[in-house]
Amino acid sequence: MRIGVIGQAGKAKNELRTAVELFLADPEIKQVLYLGMDGALERVVSEWSNESLREDDFLVRGATLACEGSADAIEALLGEDRSVQRLSVVRRLPDPPARAIEMLEKWIVLAVHDKAILDEDDVANAHLIVYGKANEADFKRFGPRAFLTPGPLSKGKVGRITLRSDGHLDIDLLDLLGNAVLHEEVSPSAAKVVITS
């Protein structure tokens, strides 16, 4: 299972669409989290949906292709439809001070826009903290905790969290072509929950 994370886009609308397409092309991605608070994701997804197939267009094109089209043309049409349906895995963070929490088996991944809103309990009970407000992409470990930010999207990086079959997490920073520019592994022995009162 994989989660993609995208930093604040601001005016980098084309980069945001590229980042979303990069993650949607990966069938192991189960969720894409947009870590910005700027409304850019809503604008890009709305434009994308408007460009995409409407149901009537899909049915007309499908009927035409069924009678006259090649197998490749039919597959291309179905691919467009699958692509639009995959947009449902793209989510933005809730408005502050809310946090998004994802469970990857025993791993607790906490996602926020600004890590400054986190309190001691938040940090103590999360294994991986993912945040969007940053000047640069970064990954840091502090004991059993790890912090990941893809930085602003204008810097051309996104993050990917992969739960491996052996229980380890792979943390990657990728460029917008999907090439890893940083790779870190977090072992299950670091996955301990601390309960504070």
N, C-alpha and C. Protein backbone atom coordinates (compact mmCIF):
# COMPACT_ATOMS: atom_id res chain seq x y z
N MET A 1 0.85 -1.18 0.00
CA MET A 1 0.00 0.00 0.00
C MET A 1 0.88 1.23 0.00
N ARG A 2 0.45 2.25 -0.74
CA ARG A 2 1.21 3.48 -0.83
C ARG A 2 0.31 4.69 -0.64
N ILE A 3 0.90 5.74 -0.07
CA ILE A 3 0.25 7.04 0.05
C ILE A 3 1.18 8.05 -0.62
N GLY A 4 0.61 8.90 -1.46
CA GLY A 4 1.37 9.99 -2.05
C GLY A 4 1.08 11.26 -1.30
N VAL A 5 2.08 12.12 -1.15
CA VAL A 5 1.89 13.40 -0.47
C VAL A 5 2.44 14.51 -1.36
N ILE A 6 1.64 15.58 -1.47
CA ILE A 6 1.98 16.71 -2.34
C ILE A 6 1.95 17.97 -1.49
N GLY A 7 3.02 18.75 -1.58
CA GLY A 7 3.11 20.01 -0.84
C GLY A 7 2.29 21.11 -1.49
N GLN A 8 2.25 22.25 -0.80
CA GLN A 8 1.46 23.39 -1.26
C GLN A 8 1.86 23.80 -2.67
N ALA A 9 0.86 23.95 -3.55
CA ALA A 9 1.12 24.26 -4.94
C ALA A 9 1.22 25.75 -5.21
N GLY A 10 0.40 26.55 -4.52
CA GLY A 10 0.39 27.98 -4.83
C GLY A 10 0.03 28.19 -6.28
N LYS A 11 0.92 28.83 -7.05
CA LYS A 11 0.65 29.10 -8.46
C LYS A 11 1.14 27.99 -9.37
N ALA A 12 1.68 26.92 -8.82
CA ALA A 12 2.25 25.83 -9.62
C ALA A 12 1.14 24.86 -10.05
N LYS A 13 0.16 25.37 -10.80
CA LYS A 13 -1.01 24.58 -11.20
C LYS A 13 -0.62 23.41 -12.10
N ASN A 14 0.25 23.65 -13.08
CA ASN A 14 0.66 22.58 -13.98
C ASN A 14 1.43 21.49 -13.22
N GLU A 15 2.27 21.91 -12.27
CA GLU A 15 3.02 20.94 -11.47
C GLU A 15 2.09 20.12 -10.60
N LEU A 16 1.01 20.75 -10.09
CA LEU A 16 0.06 20.01 -9.27
C LEU A 16 -0.62 18.93 -10.09
N ARG A 17 -1.03 19.27 -11.28
CA ARG A 17 -1.67 18.25 -12.13
C ARG A 17 -0.67 17.14 -12.47
N THR A 18 0.57 17.51 -12.76
CA THR A 18 1.60 16.50 -13.04
C THR A 18 1.81 15.58 -11.85
N ALA A 19 1.85 16.15 -10.64
CA ALA A 19 2.04 15.35 -9.42
C ALA A 19 0.87 14.39 -9.21
N VAL A 20 -0.35 14.88 -9.39
CA VAL A 20 -1.53 14.02 -9.23
C VAL A 20 -1.49 12.90 -10.26
N GLU A 21 -1.19 13.23 -11.52
CA GLU A 21 -1.12 12.21 -12.57
C GLU A 21 -0.04 11.17 -12.27
N LEU A 22 1.09 11.62 -11.73
CA LEU A 22 2.17 10.70 -11.35
C LEU A 22 1.66 9.66 -10.37
N PHE A 23 0.95 10.10 -9.35
CA PHE A 23 0.45 9.16 -8.35
C PHE A 23 -0.70 8.31 -8.87
N LEU A 24 -1.59 8.88 -9.67
CA LEU A 24 -2.72 8.11 -10.19
C LEU A 24 -2.27 7.01 -11.14
N ALA A 25 -1.10 7.18 -11.74
CA ALA A 25 -0.58 6.16 -12.65
C ALA A 25 -0.02 4.95 -11.90
N ASP A 26 0.16 5.08 -10.59
CA ASP A 26 0.70 4.00 -9.77
C ASP A 26 -0.46 3.23 -9.14
N PRO A 27 -0.72 1.99 -9.56
CA PRO A 27 -1.88 1.25 -9.03
C PRO A 27 -1.78 0.92 -7.54
N GLU A 28 -0.57 1.01 -6.96
CA GLU A 28 -0.42 0.74 -5.52
C GLU A 28 -0.81 1.93 -4.66
N ILE A 29 -0.97 3.10 -5.26
CA ILE A 29 -1.36 4.29 -4.49
C ILE A 29 -2.82 4.16 -4.09
N LYS A 30 -3.06 4.17 -2.79
CA LYS A 30 -4.44 4.06 -2.28
C LYS A 30 -4.99 5.42 -1.87
N GLN A 31 -4.09 6.40 -1.67
CA GLN A 31 -4.53 7.73 -1.28
C GLN A 31 -3.44 8.74 -1.64
N VAL A 32 -3.89 9.91 -2.06
CA VAL A 32 -2.98 11.03 -2.32
C VAL A 32 -3.46 12.17 -1.42
N LEU A 33 -2.55 12.67 -0.57
CA LEU A 33 -2.89 13.76 0.34
C LEU A 33 -2.25 15.05 -0.16
N TYR A 34 -3.09 16.06 -0.34
CA TYR A 34 -2.59 17.39 -0.68
C TYR A 34 -2.42 18.14 0.63
N LEU A 35 -1.20 18.62 0.90
CA LEU A 35 -0.86 19.22 2.18
C LEU A 35 -0.98 20.74 2.20
N GLY A 36 -1.51 21.32 1.13
CA GLY A 36 -1.65 22.77 1.05
C GLY A 36 -3.00 23.23 1.58
N MET A 37 -3.08 24.54 1.86
CA MET A 37 -4.31 25.16 2.35
C MET A 37 -4.71 26.31 1.43
N ASP A 38 -4.45 26.17 0.13
CA ASP A 38 -4.62 27.29 -0.79
C ASP A 38 -5.74 27.13 -1.81
N GLY A 39 -6.51 26.05 -1.78
CA GLY A 39 -7.59 25.86 -2.74
C GLY A 39 -7.14 25.40 -4.12
N ALA A 40 -5.84 25.21 -4.31
CA ALA A 40 -5.32 24.84 -5.63
C ALA A 40 -5.83 23.47 -6.07
N LEU A 41 -5.90 22.52 -5.15
CA LEU A 41 -6.34 21.18 -5.51
C LEU A 41 -7.77 21.20 -6.05
N GLU A 42 -8.64 21.91 -5.37
CA GLU A 42 -10.03 21.98 -5.82
C GLU A 42 -10.12 22.56 -7.23
N ARG A 43 -9.33 23.61 -7.51
CA ARG A 43 -9.35 24.22 -8.84
C ARG A 43 -8.86 23.25 -9.91
N VAL A 44 -7.77 22.56 -9.64
CA VAL A 44 -7.21 21.64 -10.63
C VAL A 44 -8.15 20.46 -10.88
N VAL A 45 -8.70 19.88 -9.81
CA VAL A 45 -9.61 18.74 -9.97
C VAL A 45 -10.88 19.17 -10.70
N SER A 46 -11.38 20.35 -10.39
CA SER A 46 -12.58 20.85 -11.08
C SER A 46 -12.32 21.02 -12.57
N GLU A 47 -11.19 21.64 -12.92
CA GLU A 47 -10.85 21.80 -14.33
C GLU A 47 -10.68 20.45 -15.02
N TRP A 48 -10.03 19.54 -14.33
CA TRP A 48 -9.78 18.21 -14.86
C TRP A 48 -11.10 17.50 -15.13
N SER A 49 -12.00 17.57 -14.16
CA SER A 49 -13.31 16.92 -14.31
C SER A 49 -14.09 17.52 -15.47
N ASN A 50 -14.01 18.85 -15.62
CA ASN A 50 -14.72 19.51 -16.73
C ASN A 50 -14.16 19.09 -18.09
N GLU A 51 -12.86 18.84 -18.14
CA GLU A 51 -12.23 18.40 -19.39
C GLU A 51 -12.58 16.95 -19.70
N SER A 52 -12.81 16.19 -18.65
CA SER A 52 -12.98 14.75 -18.80
C SER A 52 -14.36 14.41 -19.34
N LEU A 53 -14.51 13.14 -19.51
CA LEU A 53 -15.73 12.66 -20.14
C LEU A 53 -16.96 12.88 -19.27
N ARG A 54 -17.97 13.44 -19.87
CA ARG A 54 -19.28 13.45 -19.22
C ARG A 54 -19.96 12.13 -19.59
N GLU A 55 -20.91 11.71 -18.79
CA GLU A 55 -21.53 10.40 -18.99
C GLU A 55 -22.13 10.26 -20.39
N ASP A 56 -22.82 11.31 -20.87
CA ASP A 56 -23.43 11.24 -22.20
C ASP A 56 -22.36 11.06 -23.28
N ASP A 57 -21.27 11.85 -23.15
CA ASP A 57 -20.17 11.74 -24.12
C ASP A 57 -19.57 10.34 -24.09
N PHE A 58 -19.40 9.80 -22.90
CA PHE A 58 -18.81 8.47 -22.76
C PHE A 58 -19.68 7.43 -23.45
N LEU A 59 -21.00 7.50 -23.22
CA LEU A 59 -21.90 6.51 -23.82
C LEU A 59 -21.94 6.63 -25.35
N VAL A 60 -21.98 7.86 -25.87
CA VAL A 60 -22.00 8.06 -27.32
C VAL A 60 -20.70 7.56 -27.93
N ARG A 61 -19.56 7.96 -27.35
CA ARG A 61 -18.27 7.51 -27.88
C ARG A 61 -18.13 5.99 -27.74
N GLY A 62 -18.60 5.45 -26.61
CA GLY A 62 -18.53 4.00 -26.41
C GLY A 62 -19.34 3.24 -27.44
N ALA A 63 -20.56 3.72 -27.73
CA ALA A 63 -21.41 3.06 -28.73
C ALA A 63 -20.78 3.14 -30.12
N THR A 64 -20.22 4.29 -30.45
CA THR A 64 -19.57 4.46 -31.75
C THR A 64 -18.37 3.53 -31.87
N LEU A 65 -17.54 3.51 -30.84
CA LEU A 65 -16.36 2.65 -30.87
C LEU A 65 -16.71 1.17 -30.89
N ALA A 66 -17.81 0.81 -30.21
CA ALA A 66 -18.22 -0.60 -30.19
C ALA A 66 -18.56 -1.09 -31.60
N CYS A 67 -19.10 -0.18 -32.42
CA CYS A 67 -19.47 -0.55 -33.79
C CYS A 67 -18.32 -0.38 -34.78
N GLU A 68 -17.51 0.67 -34.60
CA GLU A 68 -16.54 1.03 -35.62
C GLU A 68 -15.09 1.08 -35.12
N GLY A 69 -14.87 1.07 -33.81
CA GLY A 69 -13.54 1.34 -33.27
C GLY A 69 -12.66 0.12 -33.15
N SER A 70 -11.40 0.42 -33.02
CA SER A 70 -10.41 -0.65 -32.80
C SER A 70 -10.34 -0.98 -31.31
N ALA A 71 -9.71 -2.09 -31.01
CA ALA A 71 -9.52 -2.48 -29.61
C ALA A 71 -8.70 -1.43 -28.87
N ASP A 72 -7.70 -0.85 -29.54
CA ASP A 72 -6.87 0.19 -28.91
C ASP A 72 -7.69 1.43 -28.58
N ALA A 73 -8.58 1.82 -29.49
CA ALA A 73 -9.41 3.00 -29.25
C ALA A 73 -10.38 2.77 -28.09
N ILE A 74 -10.94 1.57 -28.01
CA ILE A 74 -11.84 1.23 -26.91
C ILE A 74 -11.07 1.22 -25.59
N GLU A 75 -9.87 0.65 -25.59
CA GLU A 75 -9.05 0.62 -24.37
C GLU A 75 -8.68 2.04 -23.93
N ALA A 76 -8.39 2.93 -24.89
CA ALA A 76 -8.07 4.32 -24.56
C ALA A 76 -9.26 5.01 -23.89
N LEU A 77 -10.47 4.77 -24.42
CA LEU A 77 -11.67 5.36 -23.84
C LEU A 77 -11.87 4.85 -22.41
N LEU A 78 -11.72 3.55 -22.21
CA LEU A 78 -11.88 2.97 -20.87
C LEU A 78 -10.79 3.49 -19.93
N GLY A 79 -9.60 3.72 -20.46
CA GLY A 79 -8.51 4.27 -19.65
C GLY A 79 -8.83 5.68 -19.17
N GLU A 80 -9.44 6.49 -20.03
CA GLU A 80 -9.85 7.85 -19.63
C GLU A 80 -10.86 7.77 -18.50
N ASP A 81 -11.81 6.85 -18.61
CA ASP A 81 -12.84 6.69 -17.58
C ASP A 81 -12.22 6.24 -16.26
N ARG A 82 -11.29 5.29 -16.31
CA ARG A 82 -10.62 4.82 -15.09
C ARG A 82 -9.85 5.96 -14.43
N SER A 83 -9.23 6.78 -15.25
CA SER A 83 -8.43 7.90 -14.74
C SER A 83 -9.31 8.87 -13.96
N VAL A 84 -10.48 9.18 -14.49
CA VAL A 84 -11.40 10.09 -13.80
C VAL A 84 -11.88 9.45 -12.49
N GLN A 85 -12.19 8.16 -12.52
CA GLN A 85 -12.63 7.48 -11.30
C GLN A 85 -11.54 7.45 -10.23
N ARG A 86 -10.28 7.36 -10.66
CA ARG A 86 -9.16 7.33 -9.71
C ARG A 86 -9.01 8.65 -8.95
N LEU A 87 -9.57 9.74 -9.48
CA LEU A 87 -9.47 11.02 -8.78
C LEU A 87 -10.05 10.95 -7.37
N SER A 88 -10.90 9.97 -7.11
CA SER A 88 -11.51 9.84 -5.78
C SER A 88 -10.49 9.53 -4.69
N VAL A 89 -9.28 9.10 -5.06
CA VAL A 89 -8.26 8.82 -4.03
C VAL A 89 -7.50 10.07 -3.64
N VAL A 90 -7.74 11.18 -4.33
CA VAL A 90 -7.03 12.44 -4.03
C VAL A 90 -7.84 13.22 -3.00
N ARG A 91 -7.17 13.58 -1.90
CA ARG A 91 -7.85 14.29 -0.82
C ARG A 91 -6.98 15.45 -0.34
N ARG A 92 -7.65 16.44 0.20
CA ARG A 92 -6.91 17.52 0.85
C ARG A 92 -7.07 17.37 2.35
N LEU A 93 -6.20 18.03 3.08
CA LEU A 93 -6.29 18.00 4.53
C LEU A 93 -7.52 18.76 5.00
N PRO A 94 -8.04 18.37 6.18
CA PRO A 94 -9.12 19.19 6.75
C PRO A 94 -8.55 20.54 7.18
N ASP A 95 -9.42 21.52 7.32
CA ASP A 95 -8.97 22.84 7.75
C ASP A 95 -8.37 22.77 9.15
N PRO A 96 -7.30 23.57 9.38
CA PRO A 96 -6.68 23.61 10.71
C PRO A 96 -7.70 24.04 11.75
N PRO A 97 -7.60 23.57 12.96
CA PRO A 97 -6.50 22.79 13.53
C PRO A 97 -6.67 21.27 13.37
N ALA A 98 -7.59 20.85 12.51
CA ALA A 98 -7.79 19.41 12.33
C ALA A 98 -6.56 18.76 11.72
N ARG A 99 -6.46 17.47 11.94
CA ARG A 99 -5.35 16.68 11.42
C ARG A 99 -5.92 15.49 10.66
N ALA A 100 -5.16 14.98 9.72
CA ALA A 100 -5.54 13.74 9.03
C ALA A 100 -4.69 12.62 9.62
N ILE A 101 -5.33 11.52 9.94
CA ILE A 101 -4.62 10.37 10.50
C ILE A 101 -4.88 9.18 9.60
N GLU A 102 -3.81 8.53 9.19
CA GLU A 102 -3.89 7.33 8.37
C GLU A 102 -3.23 6.18 9.11
N MET A 103 -3.84 5.02 9.05
CA MET A 103 -3.26 3.81 9.65
C MET A 103 -2.74 2.92 8.53
N LEU A 104 -1.48 2.57 8.62
CA LEU A 104 -0.88 1.60 7.71
C LEU A 104 -0.45 0.43 8.59
N GLU A 105 -1.37 -0.51 8.76
CA GLU A 105 -1.20 -1.60 9.72
C GLU A 105 -0.88 -1.00 11.08
N LYS A 106 0.31 -1.24 11.64
CA LYS A 106 0.61 -0.71 12.98
C LYS A 106 1.17 0.69 12.97
N TRP A 107 1.36 1.26 11.81
CA TRP A 107 1.94 2.59 11.68
C TRP A 107 0.86 3.66 11.74
N ILE A 108 1.10 4.71 12.52
CA ILE A 108 0.20 5.85 12.57
C ILE A 108 0.89 7.00 11.84
N VAL A 109 0.26 7.45 10.75
CA VAL A 109 0.77 8.55 9.96
C VAL A 109 -0.14 9.75 10.22
N LEU A 110 0.45 10.82 10.72
CA LEU A 110 -0.28 12.03 11.04
C LEU A 110 0.09 13.10 10.01
N ALA A 111 -0.91 13.70 9.36
CA ALA A 111 -0.65 14.69 8.32
C ALA A 111 -1.29 16.02 8.70
N VAL A 112 -0.52 17.09 8.57
CA VAL A 112 -0.98 18.44 8.86
C VAL A 112 -0.35 19.39 7.84
N HIS A 113 -0.93 20.57 7.75
CA HIS A 113 -0.30 21.59 6.90
C HIS A 113 0.90 22.19 7.64
N ASP A 114 0.67 22.64 8.86
CA ASP A 114 1.71 23.32 9.64
C ASP A 114 2.00 22.50 10.89
N LYS A 115 3.20 21.95 10.99
CA LYS A 115 3.54 21.11 12.14
C LYS A 115 3.55 21.90 13.45
N ALA A 116 3.55 23.23 13.38
CA ALA A 116 3.55 24.05 14.60
C ALA A 116 2.26 23.87 15.41
N ILE A 117 1.18 23.37 14.78
CA ILE A 117 -0.07 23.19 15.53
C ILE A 117 -0.06 21.91 16.36
N LEU A 118 0.93 21.06 16.15
CA LEU A 118 0.96 19.79 16.86
C LEU A 118 1.34 19.98 18.32
N ASP A 119 0.70 19.21 19.18
CA ASP A 119 1.08 19.25 20.58
C ASP A 119 1.88 17.99 20.93
N GLU A 120 2.29 17.88 22.16
CA GLU A 120 3.14 16.78 22.60
C GLU A 120 2.46 15.42 22.38
N ASP A 121 1.17 15.34 22.65
CA ASP A 121 0.45 14.08 22.46
C ASP A 121 0.40 13.67 21.00
N ASP A 122 0.20 14.64 20.10
CA ASP A 122 0.18 14.33 18.67
C ASP A 122 1.49 13.67 18.25
N VAL A 123 2.60 14.29 18.64
CA VAL A 123 3.91 13.80 18.24
C VAL A 123 4.20 12.46 18.91
N ALA A 124 3.84 12.34 20.19
CA ALA A 124 4.14 11.11 20.93
C ALA A 124 3.43 9.89 20.36
N ASN A 125 2.25 10.09 19.78
CA ASN A 125 1.46 8.95 19.33
C ASN A 125 1.50 8.70 17.83
N ALA A 126 2.32 9.43 17.12
CA ALA A 126 2.46 9.22 15.68
C ALA A 126 3.84 8.63 15.39
N HIS A 127 3.90 7.79 14.40
CA HIS A 127 5.18 7.24 13.97
C HIS A 127 5.81 8.10 12.88
N LEU A 128 4.95 8.62 12.00
CA LEU A 128 5.41 9.45 10.91
C LEU A 128 4.53 10.68 10.85
N ILE A 129 5.15 11.86 10.90
CA ILE A 129 4.43 13.11 10.78
C ILE A 129 4.76 13.70 9.41
N VAL A 130 3.71 13.94 8.64
CA VAL A 130 3.85 14.49 7.28
C VAL A 130 3.25 15.89 7.32
N TYR A 131 4.00 16.88 6.82
CA TYR A 131 3.51 18.25 6.87
C TYR A 131 3.83 18.98 5.57
N GLY A 132 3.06 20.03 5.31
CA GLY A 132 3.19 20.73 4.05
C GLY A 132 3.92 22.05 4.12
N LYS A 133 3.81 22.78 5.23
CA LYS A 133 4.40 24.11 5.32
C LYS A 133 5.90 24.00 5.57
N ALA A 134 6.67 24.25 4.52
CA ALA A 134 8.13 24.16 4.59
C ALA A 134 8.72 24.89 3.40
N ASN A 135 9.98 25.26 3.52
CA ASN A 135 10.67 25.94 2.41
C ASN A 135 11.34 24.95 1.46
N GLU A 136 11.64 23.75 1.95
CA GLU A 136 12.35 22.73 1.18
C GLU A 136 11.81 21.35 1.55
N ALA A 137 11.98 20.40 0.66
CA ALA A 137 11.67 19.00 0.97
C ALA A 137 12.64 18.51 2.03
N ASP A 138 12.16 17.65 2.94
CA ASP A 138 13.04 17.19 4.02
C ASP A 138 12.49 15.91 4.64
N PHE A 139 13.42 15.12 5.18
CA PHE A 139 13.07 13.94 5.98
C PHE A 139 14.03 13.92 7.17
N LYS A 140 13.46 13.80 8.36
CA LYS A 140 14.28 13.76 9.57
C LYS A 140 13.73 12.70 10.52
N ARG A 141 14.64 12.08 11.26
CA ARG A 141 14.27 11.13 12.30
C ARG A 141 14.58 11.75 13.66
N PHE A 142 13.68 11.53 14.61
CA PHE A 142 13.91 11.92 15.99
C PHE A 142 13.51 10.72 16.85
N GLY A 143 14.49 9.90 17.19
CA GLY A 143 14.20 8.66 17.93
C GLY A 143 13.30 7.78 17.08
N PRO A 144 12.19 7.32 17.68
CA PRO A 144 11.29 6.43 16.92
C PRO A 144 10.34 7.19 15.99
N ARG A 145 10.42 8.50 15.95
CA ARG A 145 9.54 9.30 15.11
C ARG A 145 10.27 9.76 13.85
N ALA A 146 9.50 10.01 12.82
CA ALA A 146 10.08 10.56 11.59
C ALA A 146 9.17 11.67 11.09
N PHE A 147 9.77 12.67 10.46
CA PHE A 147 9.06 13.81 9.89
C PHE A 147 9.38 13.89 8.41
N LEU A 148 8.34 14.06 7.60
CA LEU A 148 8.50 14.15 6.15
C LEU A 148 7.74 15.35 5.62
N THR A 149 8.40 16.13 4.78
CA THR A 149 7.71 17.17 4.02
C THR A 149 8.23 17.15 2.59
N PRO A 150 7.30 17.22 1.62
CA PRO A 150 7.75 17.33 0.23
C PRO A 150 8.16 18.76 -0.12
N GLY A 151 7.93 19.71 0.81
CA GLY A 151 8.22 21.11 0.53
C GLY A 151 7.23 21.68 -0.46
N PRO A 152 7.41 22.95 -0.84
CA PRO A 152 6.48 23.55 -1.81
C PRO A 152 6.62 22.87 -3.17
N LEU A 153 5.52 22.69 -3.83
CA LEU A 153 5.53 21.98 -5.11
C LEU A 153 6.36 22.70 -6.17
N SER A 154 6.51 24.01 -6.02
CA SER A 154 7.33 24.77 -6.98
C SER A 154 8.79 24.30 -6.99
N LYS A 155 9.21 23.58 -5.94
CA LYS A 155 10.58 23.04 -5.89
C LYS A 155 10.68 21.67 -6.56
N GLY A 156 9.52 21.15 -7.04
CA GLY A 156 9.54 19.95 -7.87
C GLY A 156 9.68 18.62 -7.16
N LYS A 157 9.25 18.53 -5.89
CA LYS A 157 9.34 17.27 -5.15
C LYS A 157 7.97 16.88 -4.60
N VAL A 158 7.75 15.58 -4.51
CA VAL A 158 6.58 15.01 -3.85
C VAL A 158 7.07 13.87 -2.96
N GLY A 159 6.22 13.41 -2.05
CA GLY A 159 6.60 12.32 -1.16
C GLY A 159 5.77 11.08 -1.40
N ARG A 160 6.36 9.93 -1.09
CA ARG A 160 5.64 8.67 -1.22
C ARG A 160 5.97 7.80 -0.01
N ILE A 161 4.93 7.24 0.59
CA ILE A 161 5.07 6.36 1.75
C ILE A 161 4.59 4.98 1.31
N THR A 162 5.44 3.98 1.44
CA THR A 162 5.09 2.63 1.01
C THR A 162 5.19 1.68 2.17
N LEU A 163 4.11 0.95 2.45
CA LEU A 163 4.14 -0.12 3.44
C LEU A 163 4.55 -1.39 2.72
N ARG A 164 5.70 -1.93 3.11
CA ARG A 164 6.20 -3.14 2.47
C ARG A 164 5.60 -4.37 3.12
N SER A 165 5.70 -5.50 2.44
CA SER A 165 5.13 -6.75 2.95
C SER A 165 5.83 -7.22 4.23
N ASP A 166 7.09 -6.78 4.46
CA ASP A 166 7.79 -7.17 5.69
C ASP A 166 7.51 -6.23 6.85
N GLY A 167 6.58 -5.28 6.67
CA GLY A 167 6.20 -4.38 7.75
C GLY A 167 7.01 -3.10 7.82
N HIS A 168 8.05 -2.96 7.03
CA HIS A 168 8.84 -1.74 7.00
C HIS A 168 8.12 -0.68 6.17
N LEU A 169 8.47 0.58 6.44
CA LEU A 169 7.99 1.68 5.60
C LEU A 169 9.14 2.17 4.75
N ASP A 170 8.88 2.38 3.47
CA ASP A 170 9.82 3.06 2.59
C ASP A 170 9.31 4.48 2.44
N ILE A 171 10.19 5.43 2.70
CA ILE A 171 9.86 6.85 2.55
C ILE A 171 10.70 7.37 1.39
N ASP A 172 10.03 7.94 0.39
CA ASP A 172 10.73 8.46 -0.78
C ASP A 172 10.33 9.89 -1.05
N LEU A 173 11.32 10.69 -1.42
CA LEU A 173 11.06 11.98 -2.06
C LEU A 173 11.33 11.77 -3.53
N LEU A 174 10.38 12.16 -4.37
CA LEU A 174 10.47 11.95 -5.82
C LEU A 174 10.47 13.28 -6.54
N ASP A 175 11.11 13.31 -7.71
CA ASP A 175 10.93 14.46 -8.58
C ASP A 175 9.63 14.23 -9.35
N LEU A 176 9.22 15.19 -10.15
CA LEU A 176 7.93 15.08 -10.83
C LEU A 176 7.92 14.12 -12.01
N LEU A 177 9.08 13.48 -12.27
CA LEU A 177 9.13 12.40 -13.25
C LEU A 177 9.03 11.04 -12.57
N GLY A 178 8.98 11.04 -11.23
CA GLY A 178 8.88 9.80 -10.48
C GLY A 178 10.22 9.22 -10.06
N ASN A 179 11.31 9.94 -10.28
CA ASN A 179 12.63 9.46 -9.87
C ASN A 179 12.87 9.76 -8.40
N ALA A 180 13.38 8.78 -7.66
CA ALA A 180 13.66 8.97 -6.24
C ALA A 180 14.89 9.85 -6.07
N VAL A 181 14.74 10.92 -5.29
CA VAL A 181 15.88 11.78 -4.97
C VAL A 181 16.32 11.56 -3.53
N LEU A 182 15.49 10.88 -2.75
CA LEU A 182 15.83 10.47 -1.39
C LEU A 182 15.04 9.22 -1.07
N HIS A 183 15.70 8.25 -0.44
CA HIS A 183 15.02 7.02 -0.02
C HIS A 183 15.46 6.70 1.40
N GLU A 184 14.49 6.47 2.27
CA GLU A 184 14.76 6.08 3.66
C GLU A 184 13.85 4.91 4.01
N GLU A 185 14.35 4.06 4.87
CA GLU A 185 13.57 2.92 5.36
C GLU A 185 13.36 3.10 6.85
N VAL A 186 12.13 2.87 7.31
CA VAL A 186 11.80 2.94 8.73
C VAL A 186 11.38 1.54 9.14
N SER A 187 12.03 1.00 10.16
CA SER A 187 11.79 -0.38 10.56
C SER A 187 10.64 -0.48 11.56
N PRO A 188 10.00 -1.64 11.63
CA PRO A 188 8.88 -1.84 12.55
C PRO A 188 9.28 -1.68 14.02
N SER A 189 10.55 -1.88 14.34
CA SER A 189 10.96 -1.75 15.74
C SER A 189 10.79 -0.31 16.22
N ALA A 190 10.72 0.64 15.27
CA ALA A 190 10.50 2.04 15.65
C ALA A 190 9.03 2.34 15.89
N ALA A 191 8.15 1.42 15.51
CA ALA A 191 6.70 1.68 15.58
C ALA A 191 6.15 1.35 16.96
N LYS A 192 6.33 2.26 17.90
CA LYS A 192 5.81 2.09 19.26
C LYS A 192 4.90 3.26 19.57
N VAL A 193 3.79 2.96 20.19
CA VAL A 193 2.85 4.02 20.58
C VAL A 193 3.11 4.36 22.03
N VAL A 194 3.14 5.66 22.31
CA VAL A 194 3.30 6.14 23.68
C VAL A 194 1.99 6.80 24.07
N ILE A 195 1.44 6.39 25.19
CA ILE A 195 0.19 6.98 25.68
C ILE A 195 0.52 7.92 26.82
N THR A 196 0.13 9.17 26.66
CA THR A 196 0.37 10.16 27.71
C THR A 196 -0.96 10.63 28.27
N SER A 197 -0.93 11.08 29.50
CA SER A 197 -2.19 11.55 30.09
C SER A 197 -2.12 13.01 30.42
